[in-house]
N, C-alpha and C. Protein backbone atom coordinates (compact mmCIF):
# COMPACT_ATOMS: atom_id res chain seq x y z
N UNK A 1 -24.00 3.24 9.24
CA UNK A 1 -23.44 2.40 8.19
C UNK A 1 -23.00 1.06 8.78
N UNK A 2 -23.23 0.01 8.06
CA UNK A 2 -22.83 -1.33 8.49
C UNK A 2 -21.32 -1.48 8.34
N UNK A 3 -20.76 -0.81 7.37
CA UNK A 3 -19.36 -1.02 7.03
C UNK A 3 -18.46 -0.03 7.74
N UNK A 4 -17.30 -0.50 8.21
CA UNK A 4 -16.36 0.45 8.80
C UNK A 4 -15.82 1.38 7.71
N UNK A 5 -15.50 2.59 8.10
CA UNK A 5 -15.03 3.55 7.10
C UNK A 5 -13.62 4.03 7.40
N UNK A 6 -12.99 3.44 8.40
CA UNK A 6 -11.71 3.98 8.83
C UNK A 6 -10.55 3.01 8.67
N UNK A 7 -10.74 1.91 7.94
CA UNK A 7 -9.64 0.98 7.73
C UNK A 7 -8.59 1.65 6.83
N UNK A 8 -7.32 1.37 7.13
CA UNK A 8 -6.26 2.01 6.36
C UNK A 8 -5.10 1.06 6.15
N UNK A 9 -4.23 1.44 5.24
CA UNK A 9 -2.95 0.79 5.01
C UNK A 9 -1.89 1.83 5.24
N UNK A 10 -0.89 1.49 6.06
CA UNK A 10 0.22 2.41 6.29
C UNK A 10 1.52 1.70 5.95
N UNK A 11 2.37 2.37 5.19
CA UNK A 11 3.68 1.85 4.84
C UNK A 11 4.72 2.85 5.32
N UNK A 12 5.68 2.36 6.11
CA UNK A 12 6.77 3.22 6.60
C UNK A 12 8.04 2.85 5.85
N UNK A 13 8.69 3.86 5.30
CA UNK A 13 9.89 3.67 4.49
C UNK A 13 11.13 3.85 5.35
N UNK A 14 11.77 2.74 5.70
CA UNK A 14 13.06 2.78 6.39
C UNK A 14 14.17 2.31 5.46
N UNK A 15 13.89 2.30 4.17
CA UNK A 15 14.87 1.86 3.19
C UNK A 15 15.67 3.03 2.65
N UNK A 16 16.71 2.72 1.92
CA UNK A 16 17.58 3.74 1.34
C UNK A 16 17.13 4.05 -0.09
N UNK A 17 15.85 4.42 -0.24
CA UNK A 17 15.30 4.69 -1.57
C UNK A 17 13.98 5.45 -1.44
N UNK A 18 13.56 6.05 -2.55
CA UNK A 18 12.21 6.60 -2.64
C UNK A 18 11.26 5.45 -2.95
N UNK A 19 10.08 5.49 -2.37
CA UNK A 19 9.11 4.41 -2.59
C UNK A 19 7.78 5.00 -3.05
N UNK A 20 6.98 4.13 -3.65
CA UNK A 20 5.61 4.49 -4.04
C UNK A 20 4.78 3.22 -3.91
N UNK A 21 3.60 3.36 -3.31
CA UNK A 21 2.72 2.21 -3.14
C UNK A 21 1.40 2.46 -3.84
N UNK A 22 0.83 1.39 -4.34
CA UNK A 22 -0.41 1.43 -5.11
C UNK A 22 -1.43 0.52 -4.44
N UNK A 23 -2.66 0.97 -4.35
CA UNK A 23 -3.74 0.15 -3.81
C UNK A 23 -4.84 0.02 -4.85
N UNK A 24 -5.19 -1.21 -5.19
CA UNK A 24 -6.33 -1.48 -6.06
C UNK A 24 -7.39 -2.15 -5.21
N UNK A 25 -8.65 -1.73 -5.36
CA UNK A 25 -9.74 -2.26 -4.55
C UNK A 25 -10.99 -2.46 -5.39
N UNK A 26 -11.81 -3.41 -4.96
CA UNK A 26 -13.15 -3.60 -5.54
C UNK A 26 -14.15 -3.54 -4.40
N UNK A 27 -15.22 -2.77 -4.60
CA UNK A 27 -16.28 -2.67 -3.60
C UNK A 27 -17.62 -2.51 -4.31
N UNK A 28 -18.70 -2.97 -3.68
CA UNK A 28 -20.01 -2.93 -4.33
C UNK A 28 -20.50 -1.53 -4.66
N UNK A 29 -20.15 -0.54 -3.83
CA UNK A 29 -20.75 0.78 -4.06
C UNK A 29 -20.18 1.49 -5.28
N UNK A 30 -19.13 0.99 -5.90
CA UNK A 30 -18.77 1.52 -7.22
C UNK A 30 -18.76 0.42 -8.26
N UNK A 31 -19.75 -0.46 -8.13
CA UNK A 31 -20.03 -1.45 -9.16
C UNK A 31 -18.95 -2.49 -9.36
N UNK A 32 -18.15 -2.74 -8.34
CA UNK A 32 -17.07 -3.72 -8.37
C UNK A 32 -16.00 -3.39 -9.41
N UNK A 33 -16.02 -2.16 -9.91
CA UNK A 33 -14.92 -1.71 -10.78
C UNK A 33 -13.67 -1.57 -9.91
N UNK A 34 -12.52 -1.76 -10.51
CA UNK A 34 -11.28 -1.58 -9.75
C UNK A 34 -11.04 -0.10 -9.51
N UNK A 35 -10.85 0.24 -8.26
CA UNK A 35 -10.53 1.61 -7.87
C UNK A 35 -9.04 1.64 -7.54
N UNK A 36 -8.32 2.62 -8.04
CA UNK A 36 -6.87 2.70 -7.82
C UNK A 36 -6.52 3.95 -7.03
N UNK A 37 -5.55 3.79 -6.16
CA UNK A 37 -5.04 4.90 -5.36
C UNK A 37 -3.53 4.69 -5.24
N UNK A 38 -2.79 5.74 -5.00
CA UNK A 38 -1.36 5.56 -4.74
C UNK A 38 -0.88 6.62 -3.76
N UNK A 39 0.28 6.35 -3.18
CA UNK A 39 0.83 7.23 -2.15
C UNK A 39 1.57 8.42 -2.73
N UNK A 40 1.93 8.36 -4.00
CA UNK A 40 2.92 9.29 -4.51
C UNK A 40 4.28 8.86 -3.96
N UNK A 41 5.33 9.45 -4.46
CA UNK A 41 6.67 9.10 -3.96
C UNK A 41 6.83 9.58 -2.53
N UNK A 42 7.39 8.73 -1.68
CA UNK A 42 7.69 9.18 -0.33
C UNK A 42 9.08 8.72 0.07
N UNK A 43 9.81 9.60 0.77
CA UNK A 43 11.23 9.35 1.04
C UNK A 43 11.45 8.50 2.29
N UNK A 44 12.73 8.27 2.54
CA UNK A 44 13.18 7.55 3.73
C UNK A 44 12.67 8.26 4.98
N UNK A 45 12.37 7.48 6.00
CA UNK A 45 11.95 7.97 7.31
C UNK A 45 10.58 8.64 7.28
N UNK A 46 9.77 8.30 6.28
CA UNK A 46 8.40 8.78 6.23
C UNK A 46 7.45 7.61 6.10
N UNK A 47 6.25 7.80 6.63
CA UNK A 47 5.18 6.82 6.46
C UNK A 47 4.13 7.44 5.55
N UNK A 48 3.45 6.58 4.82
CA UNK A 48 2.37 7.04 3.96
C UNK A 48 1.15 6.16 4.22
N UNK A 49 -0.02 6.78 4.24
CA UNK A 49 -1.25 6.07 4.59
C UNK A 49 -2.28 6.23 3.47
N UNK A 50 -2.98 5.14 3.17
CA UNK A 50 -4.10 5.16 2.23
C UNK A 50 -5.30 4.53 2.92
N UNK A 51 -6.47 5.09 2.70
CA UNK A 51 -7.69 4.50 3.25
C UNK A 51 -8.15 3.34 2.38
N UNK A 52 -8.62 2.28 3.04
CA UNK A 52 -9.23 1.15 2.33
C UNK A 52 -10.69 1.51 2.10
N UNK A 53 -11.20 1.39 0.88
CA UNK A 53 -12.60 1.74 0.64
C UNK A 53 -13.54 0.92 1.53
N UNK A 54 -14.56 1.54 2.08
CA UNK A 54 -15.53 0.79 2.89
C UNK A 54 -16.17 -0.32 2.06
N UNK A 55 -16.39 -1.45 2.67
CA UNK A 55 -17.04 -2.61 2.03
C UNK A 55 -16.22 -3.22 0.91
N UNK A 56 -14.95 -2.88 0.82
CA UNK A 56 -14.11 -3.50 -0.21
C UNK A 56 -14.08 -5.01 0.00
N UNK A 57 -14.22 -5.75 -1.08
CA UNK A 57 -14.21 -7.21 -1.00
C UNK A 57 -12.91 -7.79 -1.54
N UNK A 58 -12.09 -6.94 -2.14
CA UNK A 58 -10.79 -7.37 -2.66
C UNK A 58 -9.88 -6.16 -2.70
N UNK A 59 -8.65 -6.34 -2.23
CA UNK A 59 -7.65 -5.26 -2.25
C UNK A 59 -6.31 -5.86 -2.63
N UNK A 60 -5.54 -5.11 -3.40
CA UNK A 60 -4.16 -5.51 -3.69
C UNK A 60 -3.27 -4.30 -3.49
N UNK A 61 -2.26 -4.50 -2.66
CA UNK A 61 -1.27 -3.47 -2.39
C UNK A 61 0.03 -3.86 -3.05
N UNK A 62 0.65 -2.92 -3.75
CA UNK A 62 1.99 -3.15 -4.29
C UNK A 62 2.83 -1.93 -3.97
N UNK A 63 4.02 -2.19 -3.44
CA UNK A 63 4.97 -1.11 -3.19
C UNK A 63 6.18 -1.31 -4.09
N UNK A 64 6.69 -0.18 -4.58
CA UNK A 64 7.82 -0.21 -5.50
C UNK A 64 8.87 0.80 -5.06
N UNK A 65 10.10 0.52 -5.43
CA UNK A 65 11.19 1.46 -5.22
C UNK A 65 11.51 2.16 -6.54
N UNK A 66 11.85 3.42 -6.46
CA UNK A 66 12.29 4.15 -7.64
C UNK A 66 13.74 3.77 -7.89
N UNK A 67 13.97 2.93 -8.91
CA UNK A 67 15.30 2.42 -9.18
C UNK A 67 16.13 3.41 -10.00
N UNK A 68 15.52 3.96 -11.02
CA UNK A 68 16.13 4.98 -11.88
C UNK A 68 15.04 5.98 -12.20
N UNK A 69 15.34 7.01 -12.93
CA UNK A 69 14.32 7.98 -13.29
C UNK A 69 13.19 7.27 -14.04
N UNK A 70 12.00 7.31 -13.47
CA UNK A 70 10.79 6.71 -14.06
C UNK A 70 10.87 5.19 -14.22
N UNK A 71 11.79 4.53 -13.53
CA UNK A 71 11.90 3.07 -13.56
C UNK A 71 11.69 2.56 -12.14
N UNK A 72 10.64 1.74 -11.97
CA UNK A 72 10.30 1.23 -10.64
C UNK A 72 10.57 -0.26 -10.55
N UNK A 73 10.95 -0.71 -9.35
CA UNK A 73 11.19 -2.12 -9.08
C UNK A 73 10.26 -2.54 -7.95
N UNK A 74 9.54 -3.64 -8.13
CA UNK A 74 8.58 -4.08 -7.12
C UNK A 74 9.29 -4.53 -5.84
N UNK A 75 8.77 -4.08 -4.70
CA UNK A 75 9.26 -4.54 -3.39
C UNK A 75 8.40 -5.69 -2.91
N UNK A 76 7.08 -5.51 -2.94
CA UNK A 76 6.17 -6.60 -2.57
C UNK A 76 4.77 -6.32 -3.08
N UNK A 77 3.97 -7.40 -3.13
CA UNK A 77 2.54 -7.33 -3.43
C UNK A 77 1.82 -8.14 -2.37
N UNK A 78 0.70 -7.63 -1.90
CA UNK A 78 -0.14 -8.33 -0.93
C UNK A 78 -1.58 -8.20 -1.36
N UNK A 79 -2.33 -9.28 -1.25
CA UNK A 79 -3.77 -9.23 -1.49
C UNK A 79 -4.49 -9.55 -0.20
N UNK A 80 -5.60 -8.89 0.04
CA UNK A 80 -6.43 -9.17 1.21
C UNK A 80 -7.86 -8.83 0.89
N UNK A 81 -8.78 -9.52 1.56
CA UNK A 81 -10.19 -9.38 1.24
C UNK A 81 -10.87 -8.29 2.04
N UNK A 82 -10.55 -8.19 3.30
CA UNK A 82 -11.39 -7.40 4.20
C UNK A 82 -11.04 -5.93 4.22
N UNK A 83 -12.07 -5.12 4.40
CA UNK A 83 -11.89 -3.68 4.65
C UNK A 83 -12.08 -3.39 6.13
N UNK A 84 -12.08 -4.43 6.95
CA UNK A 84 -12.37 -4.25 8.38
C UNK A 84 -11.11 -4.06 9.21
N UNK A 85 -9.95 -4.30 8.65
CA UNK A 85 -8.73 -4.27 9.44
C UNK A 85 -7.74 -3.27 8.87
N UNK A 86 -6.86 -2.80 9.72
CA UNK A 86 -5.75 -1.96 9.28
C UNK A 86 -4.56 -2.86 8.97
N UNK A 87 -3.81 -2.49 7.96
CA UNK A 87 -2.62 -3.24 7.56
C UNK A 87 -1.44 -2.28 7.55
N UNK A 88 -0.38 -2.67 8.24
CA UNK A 88 0.80 -1.82 8.32
C UNK A 88 2.04 -2.60 7.90
N UNK A 89 2.93 -1.90 7.20
CA UNK A 89 4.12 -2.53 6.65
C UNK A 89 5.32 -1.62 6.85
N UNK A 90 6.49 -2.25 6.85
CA UNK A 90 7.75 -1.51 6.89
C UNK A 90 8.59 -2.00 5.72
N UNK A 91 9.13 -1.04 4.96
CA UNK A 91 10.04 -1.40 3.87
C UNK A 91 11.44 -0.93 4.25
N UNK A 92 12.42 -1.77 3.92
CA UNK A 92 13.81 -1.52 4.32
C UNK A 92 14.73 -1.92 3.17
N UNK A 93 16.02 -1.89 3.43
CA UNK A 93 16.99 -2.34 2.45
C UNK A 93 17.39 -1.23 1.48
N UNK A 94 17.87 -1.67 0.33
CA UNK A 94 18.36 -0.75 -0.70
C UNK A 94 17.58 -0.97 -1.99
N UNK A 95 17.81 -0.12 -2.96
CA UNK A 95 17.17 -0.27 -4.26
C UNK A 95 17.48 -1.64 -4.86
N UNK A 96 18.72 -2.10 -4.72
CA UNK A 96 19.12 -3.39 -5.28
C UNK A 96 18.60 -4.56 -4.47
N UNK A 97 18.38 -4.36 -3.16
CA UNK A 97 17.95 -5.45 -2.29
C UNK A 97 16.88 -4.96 -1.31
N UNK A 98 15.70 -4.59 -1.82
CA UNK A 98 14.65 -4.10 -0.92
C UNK A 98 14.02 -5.24 -0.13
N UNK A 99 13.61 -4.94 1.10
CA UNK A 99 12.97 -5.92 1.97
C UNK A 99 11.69 -5.30 2.53
N UNK A 100 10.82 -6.14 3.06
CA UNK A 100 9.58 -5.64 3.66
C UNK A 100 9.13 -6.58 4.75
N UNK A 101 8.30 -6.07 5.63
CA UNK A 101 7.67 -6.89 6.67
C UNK A 101 6.35 -6.26 7.06
N UNK A 102 5.42 -7.11 7.50
CA UNK A 102 4.17 -6.60 8.05
C UNK A 102 4.42 -6.29 9.51
N UNK A 103 3.88 -5.18 9.99
CA UNK A 103 4.13 -4.72 11.36
C UNK A 103 2.82 -4.51 12.09
N UNK A 104 2.91 -4.33 13.40
CA UNK A 104 1.75 -3.96 14.20
C UNK A 104 1.34 -2.54 13.85
N UNK A 105 0.05 -2.31 13.75
CA UNK A 105 -0.43 -0.95 13.49
C UNK A 105 -0.54 -0.17 14.80
């Protein structure tokens, strides 16, 4: 295969909240339709990983904190084109003041 198949996104939760991250991607092998994936809720001191679809030409990652029952607050959104690289992030802070940073994978 010409395309790498092992690119991933990893988010580590060091914040004082439950988090959930969503990945939307477009790639030619599924007709450029938006493909959606999510981490499910993950607690403090855990990392969650999602694979980036091979040959993806557009990706958007959004992580949210569970603010109240079934109410989410956005922590950050990132868009990137390539499926060739791994992207790693750390989320910190509190539900009222969440923070994030990109980290070394």
